[in-house]
PDB file of all heavy atoms in Angstrom:
ATOM      1  N   LEU A   1     100.185  98.804  79.217  1.00  0.00           N
ATOM      2  CA  LEU A   1      99.263  98.734  80.347  1.00  0.00           C
ATOM      3  C   LEU A   1      99.674  97.644  81.334  1.00  0.00           C
ATOM      4  O   LEU A   1      99.603  97.828  82.550  1.00  0.00           O
ATOM      5  CB  LEU A   1      97.831  98.493  79.871  1.00  0.00           C
ATOM      6  CG  LEU A   1      97.140  99.676  79.205  1.00  0.00           C
ATOM      7  CD1 LEU A   1      95.798  99.234  78.620  1.00  0.00           C
ATOM      8  CD2 LEU A   1      96.937 100.807  80.192  1.00  0.00           C
ATOM      9  N   LYS A   2     100.122  96.499  80.809  1.00  0.00           N
ATOM     10  CA  LYS A   2     100.564  95.412  81.693  1.00  0.00           C
ATOM     11  C   LYS A   2     101.792  95.835  82.491  1.00  0.00           C
ATOM     12  O   LYS A   2     101.900  95.546  83.684  1.00  0.00           O
ATOM     13  CB  LYS A   2     100.856  94.154  80.880  1.00  0.00           C
ATOM     14  CG  LYS A   2      99.607  93.432  80.433  1.00  0.00           C
ATOM     15  CD  LYS A   2      99.935  92.152  79.697  1.00  0.00           C
ATOM     16  CE  LYS A   2      98.659  91.449  79.248  1.00  0.00           C
ATOM     17  NZ  LYS A   2      98.955  90.206  78.520  1.00  0.00           N
ATOM     18  N   LYS A   3     102.727  96.538  81.827  1.00  0.00           N
ATOM     19  CA  LYS A   3     103.918  97.019  82.544  1.00  0.00           C
ATOM     20  C   LYS A   3     103.504  98.003  83.629  1.00  0.00           C
ATOM     21  O   LYS A   3     104.011  97.948  84.748  1.00  0.00           O
ATOM     22  CB  LYS A   3     104.885  97.700  81.568  1.00  0.00           C
ATOM     23  CG  LYS A   3     105.597  96.752  80.641  1.00  0.00           C
ATOM     24  CD  LYS A   3     106.479  97.529  79.665  1.00  0.00           C
ATOM     25  CE  LYS A   3     107.043  96.620  78.597  1.00  0.00           C
ATOM     26  NZ  LYS A   3     107.785  97.380  77.576  1.00  0.00           N
ATOM     27  N   GLY A   4     102.592  98.899  83.277  1.00  0.00           N
ATOM     28  CA  GLY A   4     102.108  99.863  84.264  1.00  0.00           C
ATOM     29  C   GLY A   4     101.401  99.183  85.413  1.00  0.00           C
ATOM     30  O   GLY A   4     101.549  99.576  86.577  1.00  0.00           O
ATOM     31  N   GLN A   5     100.642  98.154  85.111  1.00  0.00           N
ATOM     32  CA  GLN A   5      99.928  97.408  86.150  1.00  0.00           C
ATOM     33  C   GLN A   5     100.930  96.736  87.081  1.00  0.00           C
ATOM     34  O   GLN A   5     100.756  96.759  88.296  1.00  0.00           O
ATOM     35  CB  GLN A   5      99.008  96.372  85.519  1.00  0.00           C
ATOM     36  CG  GLN A   5      98.222  95.570  86.537  1.00  0.00           C
ATOM     37  CD  GLN A   5      97.326  94.526  85.882  1.00  0.00           C
ATOM     38  OE1 GLN A   5      97.325  94.366  84.671  1.00  0.00           O
ATOM     39  NE2 GLN A   5      96.576  93.828  86.693  1.00  0.00           N
ATOM     40  N   ASN A   6     101.988  96.162  86.519  1.00  0.00           N
ATOM     41  CA  ASN A   6     103.005  95.505  87.345  1.00  0.00           C
ATOM     42  C   ASN A   6     103.697  96.518  88.258  1.00  0.00           C
ATOM     43  O   ASN A   6     103.933  96.245  89.444  1.00  0.00           O
ATOM     44  CB  ASN A   6     104.038  94.791  86.475  1.00  0.00           C
ATOM     45  CG  ASN A   6     103.473  93.553  85.797  1.00  0.00           C
ATOM     46  OD1 ASN A   6     102.490  92.977  86.255  1.00  0.00           O
ATOM     47  ND2 ASN A   6     104.074  93.144  84.700  1.00  0.00           N
ATOM     48  N   ARG A   7     104.010  97.701  87.712  1.00  0.00           N
ATOM     49  CA  ARG A   7     104.629  98.739  88.547  1.00  0.00           C
ATOM     50  C   ARG A   7     103.676  99.177  89.647  1.00  0.00           C
ATOM     51  O   ARG A   7     104.073  99.363  90.796  1.00  0.00           O
ATOM     52  CB  ARG A   7     105.031  99.943  87.681  1.00  0.00           C
ATOM     53  CG  ARG A   7     106.308  99.732  86.889  1.00  0.00           C
ATOM     54  CD  ARG A   7     106.814 101.049  86.321  1.00  0.00           C
ATOM     55  NE  ARG A   7     105.810 101.710  85.516  1.00  0.00           N
ATOM     56  CZ  ARG A   7     105.796 101.734  84.189  1.00  0.00           C
ATOM     57  NH1 ARG A   7     106.747 101.137  83.515  1.00  0.00           N
ATOM     58  NH2 ARG A   7     104.850 102.374  83.539  1.00  0.00           N
ATOM     59  N   LEU A   8     102.412  99.330  89.289  1.00  0.00           N
ATOM     60  CA  LEU A   8     101.407  99.739  90.269  1.00  0.00           C
ATOM     61  C   LEU A   8     101.249  98.687  91.366  1.00  0.00           C
ATOM     62  O   LEU A   8     101.160  99.023  92.554  1.00  0.00           O
ATOM     63  CB  LEU A   8     100.065  99.984  89.574  1.00  0.00           C
ATOM     64  CG  LEU A   8      98.920 100.491  90.441  1.00  0.00           C
ATOM     65  CD1 LEU A   8      99.297 101.812  91.111  1.00  0.00           C
ATOM     66  CD2 LEU A   8      97.667 100.660  89.613  1.00  0.00           C
ATOM     67  N   GLU A   9     101.235  97.427  90.976  1.00  0.00           N
ATOM     68  CA  GLU A   9     101.119  96.358  91.975  1.00  0.00           C
ATOM     69  C   GLU A   9     102.321  96.365  92.910  1.00  0.00           C
ATOM     70  O   GLU A   9     102.181  96.173  94.119  1.00  0.00           O
ATOM     71  CB  GLU A   9     100.973  95.005  91.287  1.00  0.00           C
ATOM     72  CG  GLU A   9      99.602  94.791  90.664  1.00  0.00           C
ATOM     73  CD  GLU A   9      99.497  93.512  89.835  1.00  0.00           C
ATOM     74  OE1 GLU A   9     100.533  92.838  89.606  1.00  0.00           O
ATOM     75  OE2 GLU A   9      98.379  93.190  89.409  1.00  0.00           O
ATOM     76  N   GLY A  10     103.507  96.612  92.358  1.00  0.00           N
ATOM     77  CA  GLY A  10     104.715  96.694  93.194  1.00  0.00           C
ATOM     78  C   GLY A  10     104.626  97.844  94.179  1.00  0.00           C
ATOM     79  O   GLY A  10     104.973  97.702  95.358  1.00  0.00           O
ATOM     80  N   ARG A  11     104.141  98.968  93.708  1.00  0.00           N
ATOM     81  CA  ARG A  11     104.004 100.125  94.586  1.00  0.00           C
ATOM     82  C   ARG A  11     102.935  99.879  95.649  1.00  0.00           C
ATOM     83  O   ARG A  11     103.063 100.327  96.792  1.00  0.00           O
ATOM     84  CB  ARG A  11     103.694 101.362  93.775  1.00  0.00           C
ATOM     85  CG  ARG A  11     104.872 101.761  92.868  1.00  0.00           C
ATOM     86  CD  ARG A  11     104.626 103.006  92.121  1.00  0.00           C
ATOM     87  NE  ARG A  11     104.984 104.104  93.007  1.00  0.00           N
ATOM     88  CZ  ARG A  11     104.877 105.370  92.682  1.00  0.00           C
ATOM     89  NH1 ARG A  11     104.419 105.696  91.496  1.00  0.00           N
ATOM     90  NH2 ARG A  11     105.221 106.314  93.515  1.00  0.00           N
ATOM     91  N   MET A  12     101.879  99.178  95.285  1.00  0.00           N
ATOM     92  CA  MET A  12     100.824  98.859  96.255  1.00  0.00           C
ATOM     93  C   MET A  12     101.367  97.932  97.340  1.00  0.00           C
ATOM     94  O   MET A  12     101.048  98.103  98.524  1.00  0.00           O
ATOM     95  CB  MET A  12      99.620  98.214  95.558  1.00  0.00           C
ATOM     96  CG  MET A  12      98.768  99.191  94.779  1.00  0.00           C
ATOM     97  SD  MET A  12      98.104 100.540  95.766  1.00  0.00           S
ATOM     98  CE  MET A  12      97.086  99.661  96.925  1.00  0.00           C
ATOM     99  N   ASP A  13     102.191  96.956  96.940  1.00  0.00           N
ATOM    100  CA  ASP A  13     102.803  96.065  97.934  1.00  0.00           C
ATOM    101  C   ASP A  13     103.657  96.888  98.899  1.00  0.00           C
ATOM    102  O   ASP A  13     103.620  96.685 100.113  1.00  0.00           O
ATOM    103  CB  ASP A  13     103.649  94.990  97.256  1.00  0.00           C
ATOM    104  CG  ASP A  13     102.810  93.959  96.519  1.00  0.00           C
ATOM    105  OD1 ASP A  13     101.588  93.869  96.791  1.00  0.00           O
ATOM    106  OD2 ASP A  13     103.360  93.235  95.666  1.00  0.00           O
ATOM    107  N   ASN A  14     104.429  97.812  98.345  1.00  0.00           N
ATOM    108  CA  ASN A  14     105.268  98.681  99.167  1.00  0.00           C
ATOM    109  C   ASN A  14     104.403  99.525 100.101  1.00  0.00           C
ATOM    110  O   ASN A  14     104.701  99.676 101.286  1.00  0.00           O
ATOM    111  CB  ASN A  14     106.123  99.583  98.262  1.00  0.00           C
ATOM    112  CG  ASN A  14     107.087 100.432  99.046  1.00  0.00           C
ATOM    113  OD1 ASN A  14     107.563 100.051 100.102  1.00  0.00           O
ATOM    114  ND2 ASN A  14     107.386 101.606  98.531  1.00  0.00           N
ATOM    115  N   PHE A  15     103.320 100.053  99.564  1.00  0.00           N
ATOM    116  CA  PHE A  15     102.395 100.869 100.352  1.00  0.00           C
ATOM    117  C   PHE A  15     101.790 100.047 101.487  1.00  0.00           C
ATOM    118  O   PHE A  15     101.691 100.519 102.628  1.00  0.00           O
ATOM    119  CB  PHE A  15     101.303 101.433  99.442  1.00  0.00           C
ATOM    120  CG  PHE A  15     100.299 102.279 100.146  1.00  0.00           C
ATOM    121  CD1 PHE A  15     100.615 103.552 100.579  1.00  0.00           C
ATOM    122  CD2 PHE A  15      99.015 101.792 100.391  1.00  0.00           C
ATOM    123  CE1 PHE A  15      99.685 104.341 101.240  1.00  0.00           C
ATOM    124  CE2 PHE A  15      98.086 102.571 101.039  1.00  0.00           C
ATOM    125  CZ  PHE A  15      98.414 103.845 101.466  1.00  0.00           C
ATOM    126  N   GLU A  16     101.393  98.815 101.182  1.00  0.00           N
ATOM    127  CA  GLU A  16     100.805  97.958 102.220  1.00  0.00           C
ATOM    128  C   GLU A  16     101.813  97.671 103.321  1.00  0.00           C
ATOM    129  O   GLU A  16     101.462  97.659 104.504  1.00  0.00           O
ATOM    130  CB  GLU A  16     100.289  96.663 101.593  1.00  0.00           C
ATOM    131  CG  GLU A  16      99.025  96.854 100.779  1.00  0.00           C
ATOM    132  CD  GLU A  16      98.595  95.600 100.024  1.00  0.00           C
ATOM    133  OE1 GLU A  16      99.252  94.548 100.151  1.00  0.00           O
ATOM    134  OE2 GLU A  16      97.593  95.685  99.296  1.00  0.00           O
ATOM    135  N   GLY A  17     103.071  97.473 102.941  1.00  0.00           N
ATOM    136  CA  GLY A  17     104.125  97.259 103.941  1.00  0.00           C
ATOM    137  C   GLY A  17     104.294  98.470 104.834  1.00  0.00           C
ATOM    138  O   GLY A  17     104.433  98.357 106.061  1.00  0.00           O
ATOM    139  N   ARG A  18     104.261  99.637 104.215  1.00  0.00           N
ATOM    140  CA  ARG A  18     104.391 100.872 104.990  1.00  0.00           C
ATOM    141  C   ARG A  18     103.189 101.065 105.907  1.00  0.00           C
ATOM    142  O   ARG A  18     103.326 101.521 107.044  1.00  0.00           O
ATOM    143  CB  ARG A  18     104.547 102.060 104.052  1.00  0.00           C
ATOM    144  CG  ARG A  18     105.884 102.034 103.299  1.00  0.00           C
ATOM    145  CD  ARG A  18     105.989 103.095 102.247  1.00  0.00           C
ATOM    146  NE  ARG A  18     106.055 104.399 102.867  1.00  0.00           N
ATOM    147  CZ  ARG A  18     105.977 105.535 102.179  1.00  0.00           C
ATOM    148  NH1 ARG A  18     105.818 105.505 100.879  1.00  0.00           N
ATOM    149  NH2 ARG A  18     106.041 106.687 102.804  1.00  0.00           N
ATOM    150  N   MET A  19     102.000 100.712 105.424  1.00  0.00           N
ATOM    151  CA  MET A  19     100.801 100.828 106.252  1.00  0.00           C
ATOM    152  C   MET A  19     100.881  99.871 107.445  1.00  0.00           C
ATOM    153  O   MET A  19     100.497 100.241 108.564  1.00  0.00           O
ATOM    154  CB  MET A  19      99.544 100.541 105.425  1.00  0.00           C
ATOM    155  CG  MET A  19      99.180 101.645 104.452  1.00  0.00           C
ATOM    156  SD  MET A  19      98.869 103.234 105.245  1.00  0.00           S
ATOM    157  CE  MET A  19      97.434 102.856 106.214  1.00  0.00           C
ATOM    158  N   ASP A  20     101.385  98.664 107.215  1.00  0.00           N
ATOM    159  CA  ASP A  20     101.539  97.710 108.322  1.00  0.00           C
ATOM    160  C   ASP A  20     102.485  98.270 109.385  1.00  0.00           C
ATOM    161  O   ASP A  20     102.205  98.180 110.584  1.00  0.00           O
ATOM    162  CB  ASP A  20     102.059  96.368 107.800  1.00  0.00           C
ATOM    163  CG  ASP A  20     101.027  95.605 106.994  1.00  0.00           C
ATOM    164  OD1 ASP A  20      99.825  95.942 107.093  1.00  0.00           O
ATOM    165  OD2 ASP A  20     101.420  94.675 106.256  1.00  0.00           O
ATOM    166  N   ARG A  21     103.609  98.859 108.931  1.00  0.00           N
ATOM    167  CA  ARG A  21     104.552  99.441 109.886  1.00  0.00           C
ATOM    168  C   ARG A  21     103.920 100.617 110.624  1.00  0.00           C
ATOM    169  O   ARG A  21     104.127 100.785 111.826  1.00  0.00           O
ATOM    170  CB  ARG A  21     105.835  99.884 109.165  1.00  0.00           C
ATOM    171  CG  ARG A  21     106.726  98.714 108.755  1.00  0.00           C
ATOM    172  CD  ARG A  21     108.098  99.169 108.297  1.00  0.00           C
ATOM    173  NE  ARG A  21     108.090 100.061 107.164  1.00  0.00           N
ATOM    174  CZ  ARG A  21     108.036  99.702 105.892  1.00  0.00           C
ATOM    175  NH1 ARG A  21     107.985  98.423 105.579  1.00  0.00           N
ATOM    176  NH2 ARG A  21     108.045 100.606 104.928  1.00  0.00           N
ATOM    177  N   LEU A  22     103.131 101.406 109.912  1.00  0.00           N
ATOM    178  CA  LEU A  22     102.457 102.546 110.528  1.00  0.00           C
ATOM    179  C   LEU A  22     101.456 102.075 111.589  1.00  0.00           C
ATOM    180  O   LEU A  22     101.380 102.644 112.682  1.00  0.00           O
ATOM    181  CB  LEU A  22     101.742 103.380 109.465  1.00  0.00           C
ATOM    182  CG  LEU A  22     101.048 104.653 109.935  1.00  0.00           C
ATOM    183  CD1 LEU A  22     102.036 105.603 110.608  1.00  0.00           C
ATOM    184  CD2 LEU A  22     100.375 105.333 108.764  1.00  0.00           C
ATOM    185  N   GLU A  23     100.714 101.024 111.271  1.00  0.00           N
ATOM    186  CA  GLU A  23      99.764 100.480 112.249  1.00  0.00           C
ATOM    187  C   GLU A  23     100.483  99.979 113.488  1.00  0.00           C
ATOM    188  O   GLU A  23     100.024 100.169 114.615  1.00  0.00           O
ATOM    189  CB  GLU A  23      98.926  99.376 111.606  1.00  0.00           C
ATOM    190  CG  GLU A  23      97.897  99.896 110.616  1.00  0.00           C
ATOM    191  CD  GLU A  23      97.171  98.784 109.877  1.00  0.00           C
ATOM    192  OE1 GLU A  23      97.514  97.600 110.062  1.00  0.00           O
ATOM    193  OE2 GLU A  23      96.248  99.121 109.110  1.00  0.00           O
ATOM    194  N   THR A  24     101.638  99.354 113.293  1.00  0.00           N
ATOM    195  CA  THR A  24     102.434  98.871 114.419  1.00  0.00           C
ATOM    196  C   THR A  24     102.922 100.049 115.255  1.00  0.00           C
ATOM    197  O   THR A  24     102.846 100.017 116.494  1.00  0.00           O
ATOM    198  CB  THR A  24     103.641  98.050 113.917  1.00  0.00           C
ATOM    199  OG1 THR A  24     103.157  96.916 113.184  1.00  0.00           O
ATOM    200  CG2 THR A  24     104.518  97.578 115.056  1.00  0.00           C
ATOM    201  N   ASP A  25     103.400 101.083 114.573  1.00  0.00           N
ATOM    202  CA  ASP A  25     103.872 102.274 115.287  1.00  0.00           C
ATOM    203  C   ASP A  25     102.740 102.928 116.079  1.00  0.00           C
ATOM    204  O   ASP A  25     102.937 103.360 117.218  1.00  0.00           O
ATOM    205  CB  ASP A  25     104.469 103.295 114.310  1.00  0.00           C
ATOM    206  CG  ASP A  25     105.793 102.835 113.709  1.00  0.00           C
ATOM    207  OD1 ASP A  25     106.372 101.847 114.217  1.00  0.00           O
ATOM    208  OD2 ASP A  25     106.240 103.470 112.730  1.00  0.00           O
ATOM    209  N   ILE A  26     101.563 102.998 115.503  1.00  0.00           N
ATOM    210  CA  ILE A  26     100.411 103.596 116.193  1.00  0.00           C
ATOM    211  C   ILE A  26     100.054 102.761 117.418  1.00  0.00           C
ATOM    212  O   ILE A  26      99.754 103.301 118.485  1.00  0.00           O
ATOM    213  CB  ILE A  26      99.215 103.744 115.230  1.00  0.00           C
ATOM    214  CG1 ILE A  26      99.483 104.875 114.237  1.00  0.00           C
ATOM    215  CG2 ILE A  26      97.924 104.009 115.999  1.00  0.00           C
ATOM    216  CD1 ILE A  26      98.450 104.983 113.129  1.00  0.00           C
ATOM    217  N   SER A  27     100.102 101.459 117.263  1.00  0.00           N
ATOM    218  CA  SER A  27      99.805 100.562 118.383  1.00  0.00           C
ATOM    219  C   SER A  27     100.804 100.797 119.522  1.00  0.00           C
ATOM    220  O   SER A  27     100.415 100.886 120.695  1.00  0.00           O
ATOM    221  CB  SER A  27      99.897  99.124 117.885  1.00  0.00           C
ATOM    222  OG  SER A  27      98.987  98.316 118.515  1.00  0.00           O
ATOM    223  N   GLU A  28     102.080 100.907 119.165  1.00  0.00           N
ATOM    224  CA  GLU A  28     103.110 101.150 120.177  1.00  0.00           C
ATOM    225  C   GLU A  28     102.903 102.516 120.826  1.00  0.00           C
ATOM    226  O   GLU A  28     103.073 102.672 122.040  1.00  0.00           O
ATOM    227  CB  GLU A  28     104.504 101.068 119.546  1.00  0.00           C
ATOM    228  CG  GLU A  28     104.901  99.662 119.159  1.00  0.00           C
ATOM    229  CD  GLU A  28     106.219  99.603 118.400  1.00  0.00           C
ATOM    230  OE1 GLU A  28     106.869 100.652 118.193  1.00  0.00           O
ATOM    231  OE2 GLU A  28     106.598  98.494 117.989  1.00  0.00           O
ATOM    232  N   LEU A  29     102.517 103.491 120.023  1.00  0.00           N
ATOM    233  CA  LEU A  29     102.273 104.834 120.544  1.00  0.00           C
ATOM    234  C   LEU A  29     101.104 104.829 121.531  1.00  0.00           C
ATOM    235  O   LEU A  29     101.172 105.453 122.598  1.00  0.00           O
ATOM    236  CB  LEU A  29     102.000 105.809 119.396  1.00  0.00           C
ATOM    237  CG  LEU A  29     101.799 107.266 119.766  1.00  0.00           C
ATOM    238  CD1 LEU A  29     103.018 107.828 120.486  1.00  0.00           C
ATOM    239  CD2 LEU A  29     101.486 108.077 118.525  1.00  0.00           C
TER     240      LEU A  29
END
């Protein structure tokens, strides 16, 4: 479960980064 949680947290960080880029792209659009 701890390993899965760590993988999930890593994916969430990646997701948040992608969301930030998406928000920037929307702003530019």
